[in-house]
Amino acid sequence: MFSDETTISRVGSFGKKFYFSNQENKRLKPHQVKETKQSGCGKIMVWGCMTYFGVGDACYISNRINAEADIDVLNDYVLASRDWYAMDPETFIFPQDNASVHTARIVQTF
């Protein structure tokens, strides 16, 4: 089973934008200025997984992911998806990307 989380923005992109400017001209041009919106504008974080047998569960993560939230995801969604596809717990493999939240002691113990 493979999984990942991503942040989805209702307005705009989180990617970087670069502009070339001539050193002689110090004034900003309209295309170099991006308006911003206050109060977050609807960002959400979602987590999902897929297996050889098909897609697994997905979930909305309401706050920043931490070790306790990661255990909740593992317990509520990873194990549920594994059981849905009747995958053998003895041969089940769930890799992680060595992010600090995944390598926390309580997560590793779980």
PDB file of N, CA and C in Angstrom:
ATOM      1  N   MET A   1       0.847  -1.173   0.000  1.00  0.00           N
ATOM      2  CA  MET A   1       0.000   0.000   0.000  1.00  0.00           C
ATOM      3  C   MET A   1       0.890   1.232   0.000  1.00  0.00           C
ATOM      4  N   PHE A   2       0.557   2.187  -0.840  1.00  0.00           N
ATOM      5  CA  PHE A   2       1.255   3.466  -0.881  1.00  0.00           C
ATOM      6  C   PHE A   2       0.279   4.560  -0.474  1.00  0.00           C
ATOM      7  N   SER A   3       0.804   5.597   0.164  1.00  0.00           N
ATOM      8  CA  SER A   3      -0.063   6.698   0.580  1.00  0.00           C
ATOM      9  C   SER A   3       0.690   8.013   0.497  1.00  0.00           C
ATOM     10  N   ASP A   4      -0.056   9.086   0.511  1.00  0.00           N
ATOM     11  CA  ASP A   4       0.532  10.420   0.574  1.00  0.00           C
ATOM     12  C   ASP A   4      -0.546  11.407   0.972  1.00  0.00           C
ATOM     13  N   GLU A   5      -0.096  12.563   1.435  1.00  0.00           N
ATOM     14  CA  GLU A   5      -1.033  13.632   1.759  1.00  0.00           C
ATOM     15  C   GLU A   5      -0.682  14.832   0.892  1.00  0.00           C
ATOM     16  N   THR A   6      -1.663  15.666   0.649  1.00  0.00           N
ATOM     17  CA  THR A   6      -1.446  16.869  -0.139  1.00  0.00           C
ATOM     18  C   THR A   6      -2.359  17.976   0.356  1.00  0.00           C
ATOM     19  N   THR A   7      -1.958  19.192   0.080  1.00  0.00           N
ATOM     20  CA  THR A   7      -2.768  20.347   0.417  1.00  0.00           C
ATOM     21  C   THR A   7      -3.408  20.868  -0.860  1.00  0.00           C
ATOM     22  N   ILE A   8      -4.688  21.120  -0.801  1.00  0.00           N
ATOM     23  CA  ILE A   8      -5.431  21.622  -1.951  1.00  0.00           C
ATOM     24  C   ILE A   8      -5.903  23.032  -1.619  1.00  0.00           C
ATOM     25  N   SER A   9      -5.684  23.939  -2.548  1.00  0.00           N
ATOM     26  CA  SER A   9      -6.083  25.324  -2.352  1.00  0.00           C
ATOM     27  C   SER A   9      -7.279  25.637  -3.228  1.00  0.00           C
ATOM     28  N   ARG A  10      -8.266  26.254  -2.649  1.00  0.00           N
ATOM     29  CA  ARG A  10      -9.449  26.663  -3.401  1.00  0.00           C
ATOM     30  C   ARG A  10      -9.131  27.840  -4.309  1.00  0.00           C
ATOM     31  N   VAL A  11      -8.192  28.666  -3.899  1.00  0.00           N
ATOM     32  CA  VAL A  11      -7.830  29.858  -4.661  1.00  0.00           C
ATOM     33  C   VAL A  11      -6.332  29.869  -4.874  1.00  0.00           C
ATOM     34  N   GLY A  12      -5.878  29.875  -6.103  1.00  0.00           N
ATOM     35  CA  GLY A  12      -4.471  30.048  -6.416  1.00  0.00           C
ATOM     36  C   GLY A  12      -3.628  28.806  -6.239  1.00  0.00           C
ATOM     37  N   SER A  13      -2.336  29.015  -6.346  1.00  0.00           N
ATOM     38  CA  SER A  13      -1.367  27.942  -6.294  1.00  0.00           C
ATOM     39  C   SER A  13      -0.368  28.221  -5.180  1.00  0.00           C
ATOM     40  N   PHE A  14       0.277  27.158  -4.695  1.00  0.00           N
ATOM     41  CA  PHE A  14       1.314  27.316  -3.697  1.00  0.00           C
ATOM     42  C   PHE A  14       2.691  27.355  -4.330  1.00  0.00           C
ATOM     43  N   GLY A  15       2.762  27.167  -5.654  1.00  0.00           N
ATOM     44  CA  GLY A  15       4.038  27.137  -6.349  1.00  0.00           C
ATOM     45  C   GLY A  15       4.710  28.496  -6.391  1.00  0.00           C
ATOM     46  N   LYS A  16       6.014  28.492  -6.599  1.00  0.00           N
ATOM     47  CA  LYS A  16       6.756  29.733  -6.702  1.00  0.00           C
ATOM     48  C   LYS A  16       6.614  30.294  -8.103  1.00  0.00           C
ATOM     49  N   LYS A  17       6.636  31.607  -8.206  1.00  0.00           N
ATOM     50  CA  LYS A  17       6.623  32.281  -9.493  1.00  0.00           C
ATOM     51  C   LYS A  17       7.827  33.204  -9.541  1.00  0.00           C
ATOM     52  N   PHE A  18       8.503  33.203 -10.663  1.00  0.00           N
ATOM     53  CA  PHE A  18       9.687  34.021 -10.832  1.00  0.00           C
ATOM     54  C   PHE A  18       9.466  34.991 -11.978  1.00  0.00           C
ATOM     55  N   TYR A  19      10.023  36.174 -11.845  1.00  0.00           N
ATOM     56  CA  TYR A  19       9.941  37.199 -12.877  1.00  0.00           C
ATOM     57  C   TYR A  19      11.334  37.740 -13.136  1.00  0.00           C
ATOM     58  N   PHE A  20      11.616  37.986 -14.383  1.00  0.00           N
ATOM     59  CA  PHE A  20      12.869  38.626 -14.753  1.00  0.00           C
ATOM     60  C   PHE A  20      12.659  40.124 -14.717  1.00  0.00           C
ATOM     61  N   SER A  21      13.592  40.825 -14.110  1.00  0.00           N
ATOM     62  CA  SER A  21      13.489  42.284 -14.138  1.00  0.00           C
ATOM     63  C   SER A  21      14.835  42.870 -14.498  1.00  0.00           C
ATOM     64  N   ASN A  22      14.795  43.884 -15.286  1.00  0.00           N
ATOM     65  CA  ASN A  22      15.987  44.592 -15.691  1.00  0.00           C
ATOM     66  C   ASN A  22      16.440  45.446 -14.512  1.00  0.00           C
ATOM     67  N   GLN A  23      17.705  45.417 -14.182  1.00  0.00           N
ATOM     68  CA  GLN A  23      18.213  46.172 -13.046  1.00  0.00           C
ATOM     69  C   GLN A  23      18.016  47.680 -13.216  1.00  0.00           C
ATOM     70  N   GLU A  24      17.961  48.143 -14.459  1.00  0.00           N
ATOM     71  CA  GLU A  24      17.788  49.572 -14.697  1.00  0.00           C
ATOM     72  C   GLU A  24      16.381  50.039 -14.333  1.00  0.00           C
ATOM     73  N   ASN A  25      15.401  49.155 -14.482  1.00  0.00           N
ATOM     74  CA  ASN A  25      14.021  49.522 -14.220  1.00  0.00           C
ATOM     75  C   ASN A  25      13.609  48.957 -12.863  1.00  0.00           C
ATOM     76  N   LYS A  26      13.537  49.792 -11.855  1.00  0.00           N
ATOM     77  CA  LYS A  26      13.256  49.328 -10.498  1.00  0.00           C
ATOM     78  C   LYS A  26      11.761  49.293 -10.172  1.00  0.00           C
ATOM     79  N   ARG A  27      10.927  49.864 -11.029  1.00  0.00           N
ATOM     80  CA  ARG A  27       9.491  49.901 -10.747  1.00  0.00           C
ATOM     81  C   ARG A  27       8.854  48.561 -11.096  1.00  0.00           C
ATOM     82  N   LEU A  28       7.952  48.119 -10.241  1.00  0.00           N
ATOM     83  CA  LEU A  28       7.221  46.880 -10.501  1.00  0.00           C
ATOM     84  C   LEU A  28       6.173  47.111 -11.581  1.00  0.00           C
ATOM     85  N   LYS A  29       6.002  46.100 -12.410  1.00  0.00           N
ATOM     86  CA  LYS A  29       4.976  46.139 -13.431  1.00  0.00           C
ATOM     87  C   LYS A  29       3.765  45.366 -12.922  1.00  0.00           C
ATOM     88  N   PRO A  30       2.575  45.641 -13.445  1.00  0.00           N
ATOM     89  CA  PRO A  30       1.367  44.962 -12.932  1.00  0.00           C
ATOM     90  C   PRO A  30       1.454  43.439 -12.960  1.00  0.00           C
ATOM     91  N   HIS A  31       2.102  42.844 -13.968  1.00  0.00           N
ATOM     92  CA  HIS A  31       2.174  41.378 -14.031  1.00  0.00           C
ATOM     93  C   HIS A  31       3.128  40.797 -12.990  1.00  0.00           C
ATOM     94  N   GLN A  32       3.907  41.658 -12.309  1.00  0.00           N
ATOM     95  CA  GLN A  32       4.828  41.192 -11.290  1.00  0.00           C
ATOM     96  C   GLN A  32       4.228  41.230  -9.880  1.00  0.00           C
ATOM     97  N   VAL A  33       3.017  41.734  -9.766  1.00  0.00           N
ATOM     98  CA  VAL A  33       2.357  41.847  -8.471  1.00  0.00           C
ATOM     99  C   VAL A  33       1.152  40.916  -8.448  1.00  0.00           C
ATOM    100  N   LYS A  34       1.060  40.115  -7.406  1.00  0.00           N
ATOM    101  CA  LYS A  34      -0.060  39.196  -7.267  1.00  0.00           C
ATOM    102  C   LYS A  34      -0.881  39.605  -6.052  1.00  0.00           C
ATOM    103  N   GLU A  35      -2.162  39.807  -6.259  1.00  0.00           N
ATOM    104  CA  GLU A  35      -3.033  40.132  -5.132  1.00  0.00           C
ATOM    105  C   GLU A  35      -3.154  38.926  -4.217  1.00  0.00           C
ATOM    106  N   THR A  36      -3.280  39.199  -2.932  1.00  0.00           N
ATOM    107  CA  THR A  36      -3.458  38.115  -1.967  1.00  0.00           C
ATOM    108  C   THR A  36      -4.802  38.275  -1.284  1.00  0.00           C
ATOM    109  N   LYS A  37      -5.284  37.175  -0.774  1.00  0.00           N
ATOM    110  CA  LYS A  37      -6.543  37.183  -0.036  1.00  0.00           C
ATOM    111  C   LYS A  37      -6.219  36.843   1.410  1.00  0.00           C
ATOM    112  N   GLN A  38      -6.964  37.394   2.327  1.00  0.00           N
ATOM    113  CA  GLN A  38      -6.736  37.112   3.733  1.00  0.00           C
ATOM    114  C   GLN A  38      -7.585  35.937   4.187  1.00  0.00           C
ATOM    115  N   SER A  39      -7.252  35.409   5.322  1.00  0.00           N
ATOM    116  CA  SER A  39      -7.970  34.346   6.035  1.00  0.00           C
ATOM    117  C   SER A  39      -7.846  32.977   5.390  1.00  0.00           C
ATOM    118  N   GLY A  40      -6.772  32.721   4.666  1.00  0.00           N
ATOM    119  CA  GLY A  40      -6.512  31.371   4.203  1.00  0.00           C
ATOM    120  C   GLY A  40      -7.173  30.963   2.909  1.00  0.00           C
ATOM    121  N   CYS A  41      -8.340  31.438   2.622  1.00  0.00           N
ATOM    122  CA  CYS A  41      -9.029  31.195   1.351  1.00  0.00           C
ATOM    123  C   CYS A  41      -9.290  29.730   1.047  1.00  0.00           C
ATOM    124  N   GLY A  42      -9.512  28.920   2.019  1.00  0.00           N
ATOM    125  CA  GLY A  42      -9.974  27.565   1.762  1.00  0.00           C
ATOM    126  C   GLY A  42      -8.924  26.550   1.412  1.00  0.00           C
ATOM    127  N   LYS A  43      -7.907  26.383   2.228  1.00  0.00           N
ATOM    128  CA  LYS A  43      -6.935  25.308   2.055  1.00  0.00           C
ATOM    129  C   LYS A  43      -7.421  24.097   2.831  1.00  0.00           C
ATOM    130  N   ILE A  44      -7.266  22.928   2.232  1.00  0.00           N
ATOM    131  CA  ILE A  44      -7.545  21.698   2.961  1.00  0.00           C
ATOM    132  C   ILE A  44      -6.415  20.704   2.717  1.00  0.00           C
ATOM    133  N   MET A  45      -6.199  19.827   3.673  1.00  0.00           N
ATOM    134  CA  MET A  45      -5.222  18.764   3.509  1.00  0.00           C
ATOM    135  C   MET A  45      -5.974  17.439   3.453  1.00  0.00           C
ATOM    136  N   VAL A  46      -5.637  16.619   2.470  1.00  0.00           N
ATOM    137  CA  VAL A  46      -6.258  15.305   2.335  1.00  0.00           C
ATOM    138  C   VAL A  46      -5.171  14.238   2.287  1.00  0.00           C
ATOM    139  N   TRP A  47      -5.523  13.064   2.726  1.00  0.00           N
ATOM    140  CA  TRP A  47      -4.647  11.897   2.712  1.00  0.00           C
ATOM    141  C   TRP A  47      -5.367  10.798   1.958  1.00  0.00           C
ATOM    142  N   GLY A  48      -4.635  10.018   1.192  1.00  0.00           N
ATOM    143  CA  GLY A  48      -5.235   8.900   0.477  1.00  0.00           C
ATOM    144  C   GLY A  48      -4.222   7.791   0.272  1.00  0.00           C
ATOM    145  N   CYS A  49      -4.732   6.627  -0.124  1.00  0.00           N
ATOM    146  CA  CYS A  49      -3.847   5.489  -0.351  1.00  0.00           C
ATOM    147  C   CYS A  49      -4.341   4.654  -1.526  1.00  0.00           C
ATOM    148  N   MET A  50      -3.423   3.838  -2.047  1.00  0.00           N
ATOM    149  CA  MET A  50      -3.782   2.904  -3.113  1.00  0.00           C
ATOM    150  C   MET A  50      -2.989   1.616  -2.924  1.00  0.00           C
ATOM    151  N   THR A  51      -3.575   0.553  -3.425  1.00  0.00           N
ATOM    152  CA  THR A  51      -2.945  -0.755  -3.326  1.00  0.00           C
ATOM    153  C   THR A  51      -2.909  -1.394  -4.708  1.00  0.00           C
ATOM    154  N   TYR A  52      -2.298  -2.531  -4.780  1.00  0.00           N
ATOM    155  CA  TYR A  52      -2.302  -3.316  -6.006  1.00  0.00           C
ATOM    156  C   TYR A  52      -3.738  -3.676  -6.406  1.00  0.00           C
ATOM    157  N   PHE A  53      -4.603  -3.836  -5.427  1.00  0.00           N
ATOM    158  CA  PHE A  53      -5.973  -4.268  -5.662  1.00  0.00           C
ATOM    159  C   PHE A  53      -6.924  -3.119  -6.005  1.00  0.00           C
ATOM    160  N   GLY A  54      -6.538  -1.898  -5.709  1.00  0.00           N
ATOM    161  CA  GLY A  54      -7.386  -0.744  -5.999  1.00  0.00           C
ATOM    162  C   GLY A  54      -7.123   0.389  -5.023  1.00  0.00           C
ATOM    163  N   VAL A  55      -7.896   1.459  -5.165  1.00  0.00           N
ATOM    164  CA  VAL A  55      -7.702   2.603  -4.275  1.00  0.00           C
ATOM    165  C   VAL A  55      -8.284   2.292  -2.900  1.00  0.00           C
ATOM    166  N   GLY A  56      -7.646   2.867  -1.896  1.00  0.00           N
ATOM    167  CA  GLY A  56      -8.122   2.702  -0.534  1.00  0.00           C
ATOM    168  C   GLY A  56      -8.897   3.924  -0.093  1.00  0.00           C
ATOM    169  N   ASP A  57      -9.027   4.050   1.195  1.00  0.00           N
ATOM    170  CA  ASP A  57      -9.757   5.176   1.762  1.00  0.00           C
ATOM    171  C   ASP A  57      -8.989   6.481   1.589  1.00  0.00           C
ATOM    172  N   ALA A  58      -9.716   7.576   1.685  1.00  0.00           N
ATOM    173  CA  ALA A  58      -9.136   8.914   1.728  1.00  0.00           C
ATOM    174  C   ALA A  58      -9.750   9.632   2.914  1.00  0.00           C
ATOM    175  N   CYS A  59      -9.038  10.619   3.437  1.00  0.00           N
ATOM    176  CA  CYS A  59      -9.578  11.350   4.571  1.00  0.00           C
ATOM    177  C   CYS A  59      -9.125  12.800   4.545  1.00  0.00           C
ATOM    178  N   TYR A  60      -9.891  13.618   5.224  1.00  0.00           N
ATOM    179  CA  TYR A  60      -9.598  15.033   5.410  1.00  0.00           C
ATOM    180  C   TYR A  60      -8.819  15.175   6.703  1.00  0.00           C
ATOM    181  N   ILE A  61      -7.728  15.912   6.664  1.00  0.00           N
ATOM    182  CA  ILE A  61      -6.929  16.147   7.863  1.00  0.00           C
ATOM    183  C   ILE A  61      -7.178  17.586   8.278  1.00  0.00           C
ATOM    184  N   SER A  62      -7.793  17.770   9.445  1.00  0.00           N
ATOM    185  CA  SER A  62      -8.265  19.098   9.842  1.00  0.00           C
ATOM    186  C   SER A  62      -7.149  20.016  10.335  1.00  0.00           C
ATOM    187  N   ASN A  63      -6.118  19.480  10.901  1.00  0.00           N
ATOM    188  CA  ASN A  63      -5.015  20.293  11.414  1.00  0.00           C
ATOM    189  C   ASN A  63      -3.723  19.837  10.782  1.00  0.00           C
ATOM    190  N   ARG A  64      -2.641  20.434  11.227  1.00  0.00           N
ATOM    191  CA  ARG A  64      -1.338  19.961  10.766  1.00  0.00           C
ATOM    192  C   ARG A  64      -1.160  18.513  11.216  1.00  0.00           C
ATOM    193  N   ILE A  65      -0.503  17.725  10.399  1.00  0.00           N
ATOM    194  CA  ILE A  65      -0.301  16.320  10.747  1.00  0.00           C
ATOM    195  C   ILE A  65       0.801  16.231  11.809  1.00  0.00           C
ATOM    196  N   ASN A  66       0.525  15.502  12.867  1.00  0.00           N
ATOM    197  CA  ASN A  66       1.508  15.231  13.909  1.00  0.00           C
ATOM    198  C   ASN A  66       1.454  13.732  14.203  1.00  0.00           C
ATOM    199  N   ALA A  67       2.241  13.279  15.150  1.00  0.00           N
ATOM    200  CA  ALA A  67       2.326  11.841  15.421  1.00  0.00           C
ATOM    201  C   ALA A  67       0.979  11.262  15.831  1.00  0.00           C
ATOM    202  N   GLU A  68       0.229  11.973  16.673  1.00  0.00           N
ATOM    203  CA  GLU A  68      -1.071  11.457  17.116  1.00  0.00           C
ATOM    204  C   GLU A  68      -2.051  11.374  15.945  1.00  0.00           C
ATOM    205  N   ALA A  69      -2.052  12.394  15.078  1.00  0.00           N
ATOM    206  CA  ALA A  69      -2.926  12.371  13.901  1.00  0.00           C
ATOM    207  C   ALA A  69      -2.500  11.265  12.944  1.00  0.00           C
ATOM    208  N   ASP A  70      -1.202  11.019  12.846  1.00  0.00           N
ATOM    209  CA  ASP A  70      -0.714   9.950  11.967  1.00  0.00           C
ATOM    210  C   ASP A  70      -1.182   8.588  12.465  1.00  0.00           C
ATOM    211  N   ILE A  71      -1.172   8.386  13.765  1.00  0.00           N
ATOM    212  CA  ILE A  71      -1.667   7.121  14.325  1.00  0.00           C
ATOM    213  C   ILE A  71      -3.156   6.968  14.034  1.00  0.00           C
ATOM    214  N   ASP A  72      -3.918   8.055  14.150  1.00  0.00           N
ATOM    215  CA  ASP A  72      -5.345   8.000  13.818  1.00  0.00           C
ATOM    216  C   ASP A  72      -5.556   7.589  12.370  1.00  0.00           C
ATOM    217  N   VAL A  73      -4.779   8.163  11.462  1.00  0.00           N
ATOM    218  CA  VAL A  73      -4.888   7.806  10.040  1.00  0.00           C
ATOM    219  C   VAL A  73      -4.524   6.344   9.836  1.00  0.00           C
ATOM    220  N   LEU A  74      -3.435   5.910  10.452  1.00  0.00           N
ATOM    221  CA  LEU A  74      -3.034   4.503  10.322  1.00  0.00           C
ATOM    222  C   LEU A  74      -4.117   3.567  10.834  1.00  0.00           C
ATOM    223  N   ASN A  75      -4.656   3.869  11.980  1.00  0.00           N
ATOM    224  CA  ASN A  75      -5.654   3.015  12.604  1.00  0.00           C
ATOM    225  C   ASN A  75      -6.977   3.037  11.849  1.00  0.00           C
ATOM    226  N   ASP A  76      -7.447   4.232  11.489  1.00  0.00           N
ATOM    227  CA  ASP A  76      -8.783   4.369  10.906  1.00  0.00           C
ATOM    228  C   ASP A  76      -8.835   4.115   9.399  1.00  0.00           C
ATOM    229  N   TYR A  77      -7.746   4.368   8.689  1.00  0.00           N
ATOM    230  CA  TYR A  77      -7.807   4.298   7.227  1.00  0.00           C
ATOM    231  C   TYR A  77      -6.880   3.251   6.618  1.00  0.00           C
ATOM    232  N   VAL A  78      -5.639   3.168   7.088  1.00  0.00           N
ATOM    233  CA  VAL A  78      -4.725   2.174   6.524  1.00  0.00           C
ATOM    234  C   VAL A  78      -5.210   0.769   6.858  1.00  0.00           C
ATOM    235  N   LEU A  79      -5.488   0.525   8.122  1.00  0.00           N
ATOM    236  CA  LEU A  79      -5.939  -0.818   8.503  1.00  0.00           C
ATOM    237  C   LEU A  79      -7.308  -1.140   7.902  1.00  0.00           C
ATOM    238  N   ALA A  80      -8.178  -0.140   7.799  1.00  0.00           N
ATOM    239  CA  ALA A  80      -9.495  -0.368   7.189  1.00  0.00           C
ATOM    240  C   ALA A  80      -9.358  -0.726   5.709  1.00  0.00           C
ATOM    241  N   SER A  81      -8.472  -0.034   5.006  1.00  0.00           N
ATOM    242  CA  SER A  81      -8.260  -0.337   3.590  1.00  0.00           C
ATOM    243  C   SER A  81      -7.620  -1.706   3.417  1.00  0.00           C
ATOM    244  N   ARG A  82      -6.673  -2.027   4.295  1.00  0.00           N
ATOM    245  CA  ARG A  82      -6.048  -3.360   4.237  1.00  0.00           C
ATOM    246  C   ARG A  82      -7.092  -4.455   4.443  1.00  0.00           C
ATOM    247  N   ASP A  83      -7.958  -4.251   5.428  1.00  0.00           N
ATOM    248  CA  ASP A  83      -8.984  -5.254   5.713  1.00  0.00           C
ATOM    249  C   ASP A  83     -10.031  -5.322   4.607  1.00  0.00           C
ATOM    250  N   TRP A  84     -10.373  -4.179   3.994  1.00  0.00           N
ATOM    251  CA  TRP A  84     -11.362  -4.154   2.910  1.00  0.00           C
ATOM    252  C   TRP A  84     -10.929  -5.060   1.758  1.00  0.00           C
ATOM    253  N   TYR A  85      -9.638  -5.009   1.423  1.00  0.00           N
ATOM    254  CA  TYR A  85      -9.117  -5.828   0.332  1.00  0.00           C
ATOM    255  C   TYR A  85      -8.639  -7.188   0.805  1.00  0.00           C
ATOM    256  N   ALA A  86      -8.891  -7.525   2.061  1.00  0.00           N
ATOM    257  CA  ALA A  86      -8.527  -8.824   2.645  1.00  0.00           C
ATOM    258  C   ALA A  86      -7.055  -9.141   2.429  1.00  0.00           C
ATOM    259  N   MET A  87      -6.215  -8.135   2.638  1.00  0.00           N
ATOM    260  CA  MET A  87      -4.776  -8.333   2.501  1.00  0.00           C
ATOM    261  C   MET A  87      -4.249  -9.027   3.750  1.00  0.00           C
ATOM    262  N   ASP A  88      -3.345  -9.953   3.563  1.00  0.00           N
ATOM    263  CA  ASP A  88      -2.783 -10.730   4.663  1.00  0.00           C
ATOM    264  C   ASP A  88      -1.921  -9.836   5.551  1.00  0.00           C
ATOM    265  N   PRO A  89      -2.263  -9.685   6.830  1.00  0.00           N
ATOM    266  CA  PRO A  89      -1.469  -8.841   7.725  1.00  0.00           C
ATOM    267  C   PRO A  89      -0.010  -9.284   7.849  1.00  0.00           C
ATOM    268  N   GLU A  90       0.264 -10.566   7.645  1.00  0.00           N
ATOM    269  CA  GLU A  90       1.635 -11.074   7.761  1.00  0.00           C
ATOM    270  C   GLU A  90       2.521 -10.614   6.612  1.00  0.00           C
ATOM    271  N   THR A  91       1.950 -10.384   5.431  1.00  0.00           N
ATOM    272  CA  THR A  91       2.738  -9.979   4.268  1.00  0.00           C
ATOM    273  C   THR A  91       2.473  -8.533   3.846  1.00  0.00           C
ATOM    274  N   PHE A  92       1.638  -7.838   4.597  1.00  0.00           N
ATOM    275  CA  PHE A  92       1.273  -6.464   4.278  1.00  0.00           C
ATOM    276  C   PHE A  92       2.478  -5.540   4.448  1.00  0.00           C
ATOM    277  N   ILE A  93       2.740  -4.706   3.435  1.00  0.00           N
ATOM    278  CA  ILE A  93       3.850  -3.747   3.492  1.00  0.00           C
ATOM    279  C   ILE A  93       3.284  -2.349   3.314  1.00  0.00           C
ATOM    280  N   PHE A  94       3.654  -1.469   4.242  1.00  0.00           N
ATOM    281  CA  PHE A  94       3.231  -0.075   4.181  1.00  0.00           C
ATOM    282  C   PHE A  94       4.470   0.807   4.340  1.00  0.00           C
ATOM    283  N   PRO A  95       5.069   1.255   3.223  1.00  0.00           N
ATOM    284  CA  PRO A  95       6.285   2.080   3.334  1.00  0.00           C
ATOM    285  C   PRO A  95       5.963   3.499   3.791  1.00  0.00           C
ATOM    286  N   GLN A  96       6.956   4.170   4.347  1.00  0.00           N
ATOM    287  CA  GLN A  96       6.804   5.563   4.728  1.00  0.00           C
ATOM    288  C   GLN A  96       8.032   6.324   4.233  1.00  0.00           C
ATOM    289  N   ASP A  97       7.919   7.641   4.178  1.00  0.00           N
ATOM    290  CA  ASP A  97       8.948   8.466   3.539  1.00  0.00           C
ATOM    291  C   ASP A  97       9.959   9.091   4.502  1.00  0.00           C
ATOM    292  N   ASN A  98      10.065   8.563   5.698  1.00  0.00           N
ATOM    293  CA  ASN A  98      10.995   9.043   6.715  1.00  0.00           C
ATOM    294  C   ASN A  98      10.748  10.480   7.164  1.00  0.00           C
ATOM    295  N   ALA A  99       9.558  11.001   6.928  1.00  0.00           N
ATOM    296  CA  ALA A  99       9.203  12.298   7.503  1.00  0.00           C
ATOM    297  C   ALA A  99       9.193  12.141   9.019  1.00  0.00           C
ATOM    298  N   SER A 100       9.508  13.201   9.728  1.00  0.00           N
ATOM    299  CA  SER A 100       9.633  13.092  11.185  1.00  0.00           C
ATOM    300  C   SER A 100       8.351  12.602  11.850  1.00  0.00           C
ATOM    301  N   VAL A 101       7.205  12.940  11.290  1.00  0.00           N
ATOM    302  CA  VAL A 101       5.943  12.477  11.875  1.00  0.00           C
ATOM    303  C   VAL A 101       5.827  10.953  11.774  1.00  0.00           C
ATOM    304  N   HIS A 102       6.359  10.362  10.706  1.00  0.00           N
ATOM    305  CA  HIS A 102       6.271   8.910  10.521  1.00  0.00           C
ATOM    306  C   HIS A 102       7.321   8.154  11.327  1.00  0.00           C
ATOM    307  N   THR A 103       8.409   8.821  11.658  1.00  0.00           N
ATOM    308  CA  THR A 103       9.478   8.151  12.396  1.00  0.00           C
ATOM    309  C   THR A 103       9.414   8.406  13.901  1.00  0.00           C
ATOM    310  N   ALA A 104       8.389   9.117  14.342  1.00  0.00           N
ATOM    311  CA  ALA A 104       8.228   9.359  15.781  1.00  0.00           C
ATOM    312  C   ALA A 104       8.107   8.020  16.514  1.00  0.00           C
ATOM    313  N   ARG A 105       8.612   7.972  17.713  1.00  0.00           N
ATOM    314  CA  ARG A 105       8.649   6.727  18.488  1.00  0.00           C
ATOM    315  C   ARG A 105       7.256   6.122  18.665  1.00  0.00           C
ATOM    316  N   ILE A 106       6.238   6.951  18.977  1.00  0.00           N
ATOM    317  CA  ILE A 106       4.909   6.386  19.210  1.00  0.00           C
ATOM    318  C   ILE A 106       4.297   5.829  17.926  1.00  0.00           C
ATOM    319  N   VAL A 107       4.651   6.422  16.775  1.00  0.00           N
ATOM    320  CA  VAL A 107       4.157   5.900  15.498  1.00  0.00           C
ATOM    321  C   VAL A 107       4.843   4.576  15.188  1.00  0.00           C
ATOM    322  N   GLN A 108       6.155   4.513  15.380  1.00  0.00           N
ATOM    323  CA  GLN A 108       6.886   3.278  15.133  1.00  0.00           C
ATOM    324  C   GLN A 108       6.410   2.161  16.053  1.00  0.00           C
ATOM    325  N   THR A 109       6.085   2.485  17.290  1.00  0.00           N
ATOM    326  CA  THR A 109       5.580   1.487  18.231  1.00  0.00           C
ATOM    327  C   THR A 109       4.227   0.970  17.779  1.00  0.00           C
ATOM    328  N   PHE A 110       3.372   1.878  17.283  1.00  0.00           N
ATOM    329  CA  PHE A 110       2.053   1.459  16.799  1.00  0.00           C
ATOM    330  C   PHE A 110       2.196   0.470  15.665  1.00  0.00           C
TER     331      PHE A 110
END
